[in-house]
């Protein structure tokens, strides 16, 4: 498959690039500072420099791809709207380019609780993560309101660590066995598998090691 990875220079993005190449995919690695990063050398990788707020750049990068992986990051305060507006641009340009499949990364705060409220709306949710959770929720709504085939993975604390292959998932809720952490390598592995497994189409996904 030909896959474009947004946020390719981040902790999860780098794992996505490395694992996608290992699986034999053709990879477009997209980022603003992509040329300053130590990307893998391969005939199957194309480095694409661009921003998430330039429609033409994003459209040109997406065109001709089979699927999109979004590992967009940013700050956790109210001034950083990269996650929401970046997803808005990606969704709009996917529709124009007629690319249907996307798997993106959000956060655990937008999963459901047992009584179907959002985790971020519970009294015990850490207040310092409210703003970034609102950003994830906006990004999720751009996906949900589209006609794309989307999956939005909502991890807890992401550890900068490799693949174990041992993790658990759940649709729209946190996993029942929840350690409240996930290795970046395992998160990337799940995202790449989900592109074709399509087990969680039109779902948020809770995940944990």
Foldseek 3Di string as FASTA:
>chain_A
DEEEEAPLQDLLNVLLQVVCVVVPYQYEYEEQPQVVDDHDDDPRYHYQHDALQDLVSLLVSCAPGQEYEYEDDDDQDQVDLCLQSSLLSNLVSCVVNVHAYYEYEAAQQQFADPVGDGNLPDPPHDPSNNNSNVSSVNSLVSVLPGPGFYEYEHAFAEDSDADPVDKDKDWRHADPPAPRYDYSNNVSVVRVVCRPVVPHTSTYMHMHD
